[in-house]
Every structure is written in structure tokens, then in C-alpha cells.
């Protein structure tokens, strides 16, 4: 698979590969993409990409922001009906 070859060095990583790998790492989807024996090394390499580059850091922050926003929406969706029904 292209993304695996890109991360483990058998092909040159292009921008698309880089962005996709950074998203995989920020979303913690390494187990879904890589073989069981590759997950630990993949996490390590993706983390290096994420922390050593402005684009990787920005993608990680954006994913974390979306996760926070979704959590806030879910909490609101549960709390508001509970409050209004108990009034």
C-alpha cells in the first residue's frame, strides 16, 4: 500500500502521503491502517512527522479542536433536554 511504503521508506513521501499520515496519527488510526507488527514503529514515525513540522502540528491541533467541538456538542445534546424536561 502506498501510505505504508511511504512511511517505511520504500517510496518517497509526497505531500498527500504526509498529510494523510499526519491525520492517521492525530486520529489514532494506526491500528486500522498498519499491520499489527508495524503499529508501534508507525506511531513513532508519525509522531516524529507531527511534532517536527508546522503543518503536522497544525493538522494535529485541528483534529484535537474537532474532537473537543464534538464532545461539547454531545454534552450539550444530553444536558439541555435533561434540564428542560426536569423543569
C-alpha atoms as a PDB file:
ATOM      1  CA  UNK A   1       0.000   0.000   0.000  1.00  0.00           C
ATOM      2  CA  UNK A   2       1.280   3.437  -0.937  1.00  0.00           C
ATOM      3  CA  UNK A   3       0.970   5.034   2.512  1.00  0.00           C
ATOM      4  CA  UNK A   4       2.847   2.169   4.187  1.00  0.00           C
ATOM      5  CA  UNK A   5       5.595   2.257   1.565  1.00  0.00           C
ATOM      6  CA  UNK A   6       5.849   5.997   2.048  1.00  0.00           C
ATOM      7  CA  UNK A   7       6.206   5.809   5.832  1.00  0.00           C
ATOM      8  CA  UNK A   8       8.660   2.926   5.853  1.00  0.00           C
ATOM      9  CA  UNK A   9      10.872   4.313   3.102  1.00  0.00           C
ATOM     10  CA  UNK A  10      10.382   2.169   0.019  1.00  0.00           C
ATOM     11  CA  UNK A  11       8.959   5.183  -1.825  1.00  0.00           C
ATOM     12  CA  UNK A  12       9.425   8.908  -1.483  1.00  0.00           C
ATOM     13  CA  UNK A  13       6.806  10.630   0.649  1.00  0.00           C
ATOM     14  CA  UNK A  14       4.851  13.328  -1.143  1.00  0.00           C
ATOM     15  CA  UNK A  15       2.567  15.978   0.337  1.00  0.00           C
ATOM     16  CA  UNK A  16      -0.559  13.830   0.094  1.00  0.00           C
ATOM     17  CA  UNK A  17       1.152  10.969   1.924  1.00  0.00           C
ATOM     18  CA  UNK A  18       2.427  13.337   4.580  1.00  0.00           C
ATOM     19  CA  UNK A  19      -0.975  14.897   5.235  1.00  0.00           C
ATOM     20  CA  UNK A  20      -2.700  11.511   5.301  1.00  0.00           C
ATOM     21  CA  UNK A  21      -0.123  10.061   7.709  1.00  0.00           C
ATOM     22  CA  UNK A  22      -0.456  13.072   9.978  1.00  0.00           C
ATOM     23  CA  UNK A  23      -4.252  12.683  10.001  1.00  0.00           C
ATOM     24  CA  UNK A  24      -3.900   8.965  10.750  1.00  0.00           C
ATOM     25  CA  UNK A  25      -1.671   9.792  13.719  1.00  0.00           C
ATOM     26  CA  UNK A  26      -3.786  12.647  15.040  1.00  0.00           C
ATOM     27  CA  UNK A  27      -6.899  10.470  14.815  1.00  0.00           C
ATOM     28  CA  UNK A  28      -5.129   7.486  16.377  1.00  0.00           C
ATOM     29  CA  UNK A  29      -5.998   5.184  13.482  1.00  0.00           C
ATOM     30  CA  UNK A  30      -2.645   3.426  13.172  1.00  0.00           C
ATOM     31  CA  UNK A  31      -4.170   0.063  14.136  1.00  0.00           C
ATOM     32  CA  UNK A  32      -6.668   0.419  11.302  1.00  0.00           C
ATOM     33  CA  UNK A  33      -4.043   1.126   8.635  1.00  0.00           C
ATOM     34  CA  UNK A  34      -0.915  -0.790   9.590  1.00  0.00           C
ATOM     35  CA  UNK A  35      -0.254  -4.460  10.290  1.00  0.00           C
ATOM     36  CA  UNK A  36      -0.086  -5.432  13.940  1.00  0.00           C
ATOM     37  CA  UNK A  37       3.707  -5.752  13.835  1.00  0.00           C
ATOM     38  CA  UNK A  38       4.053  -2.289  12.238  1.00  0.00           C
ATOM     39  CA  UNK A  39       1.818  -0.245  14.566  1.00  0.00           C
ATOM     40  CA  UNK A  40       4.435   0.645  17.191  1.00  0.00           C
ATOM     41  CA  UNK A  41       7.019   1.783  14.640  1.00  0.00           C
ATOM     42  CA  UNK A  42       4.352   3.588  12.595  1.00  0.00           C
ATOM     43  CA  UNK A  43       3.236   5.555  15.668  1.00  0.00           C
ATOM     44  CA  UNK A  44       6.819   6.533  16.380  1.00  0.00           C
ATOM     45  CA  UNK A  45       7.499   7.695  12.827  1.00  0.00           C
ATOM     46  CA  UNK A  46       4.187   9.539  12.503  1.00  0.00           C
ATOM     47  CA  UNK A  47       4.773  11.283  15.830  1.00  0.00           C
ATOM     48  CA  UNK A  48       8.134  12.498  14.511  1.00  0.00           C
ATOM     49  CA  UNK A  49       6.355  13.920  11.464  1.00  0.00           C
ATOM     50  CA  UNK A  50       3.703  15.593  13.609  1.00  0.00           C
ATOM     51  CA  UNK A  51       5.969  17.309  16.114  1.00  0.00           C
ATOM     52  CA  UNK A  52       8.817  18.302  13.823  1.00  0.00           C
ATOM     53  CA  UNK A  53       6.821  20.245  11.274  1.00  0.00           C
ATOM     54  CA  UNK A  54       4.439  23.195  11.340  1.00  0.00           C
ATOM     55  CA  UNK A  55       1.935  21.502   9.013  1.00  0.00           C
ATOM     56  CA  UNK A  56       1.902  18.342  11.113  1.00  0.00           C
ATOM     57  CA  UNK A  57       1.384  20.361  14.269  1.00  0.00           C
ATOM     58  CA  UNK A  58      -1.428  22.363  12.652  1.00  0.00           C
ATOM     59  CA  UNK A  59      -3.214  19.217  11.481  1.00  0.00           C
ATOM     60  CA  UNK A  60      -2.933  17.702  14.954  1.00  0.00           C
ATOM     61  CA  UNK A  61      -4.329  20.867  16.561  1.00  0.00           C
ATOM     62  CA  UNK A  62      -7.211  20.945  14.077  1.00  0.00           C
ATOM     63  CA  UNK A  63      -8.143  17.325  14.785  1.00  0.00           C
ATOM     64  CA  UNK A  64      -7.983  17.945  18.545  1.00  0.00           C
ATOM     65  CA  UNK A  65     -10.184  21.020  18.055  1.00  0.00           C
ATOM     66  CA  UNK A  66     -12.774  18.972  16.150  1.00  0.00           C
ATOM     67  CA  UNK A  67     -12.720  16.305  18.864  1.00  0.00           C
ATOM     68  CA  UNK A  68     -13.344  18.973  21.533  1.00  0.00           C
ATOM     69  CA  UNK A  69     -16.125  20.530  19.498  1.00  0.00           C
ATOM     70  CA  UNK A  70     -17.855  17.175  19.001  1.00  0.00           C
ATOM     71  CA  UNK A  71     -17.570  16.419  22.725  1.00  0.00           C
ATOM     72  CA  UNK A  72     -19.123  19.795  23.576  1.00  0.00           C
ATOM     73  CA  UNK A  73     -21.975  19.211  21.131  1.00  0.00           C
ATOM     74  CA  UNK A  74     -22.663  15.766  22.581  1.00  0.00           C
ATOM     75  CA  UNK A  75     -22.651  17.068  26.145  1.00  0.00           C
ATOM     76  CA  UNK A  76     -24.998  19.886  25.163  1.00  0.00           C
ATOM     77  CA  UNK A  77     -27.309  17.465  23.381  1.00  0.00           C
ATOM     78  CA  UNK A  78     -27.610  15.407  26.562  1.00  0.00           C
ATOM     79  CA  UNK A  79     -27.737  18.172  29.174  1.00  0.00           C
ATOM     80  CA  UNK A  80     -30.240  20.591  27.608  1.00  0.00           C
ATOM     81  CA  UNK A  81     -33.042  18.030  27.173  1.00  0.00           C
ATOM     82  CA  UNK A  82     -32.412  16.804  30.714  1.00  0.00           C
ATOM     83  CA  UNK A  83     -32.618  20.311  32.169  1.00  0.00           C
ATOM     84  CA  UNK A  84     -35.699  21.315  30.195  1.00  0.00           C
ATOM     85  CA  UNK A  85     -37.576  18.091  30.966  1.00  0.00           C
ATOM     86  CA  UNK A  86     -36.948  18.382  34.710  1.00  0.00           C
ATOM     87  CA  UNK A  87     -38.269  21.982  34.880  1.00  0.00           C
END
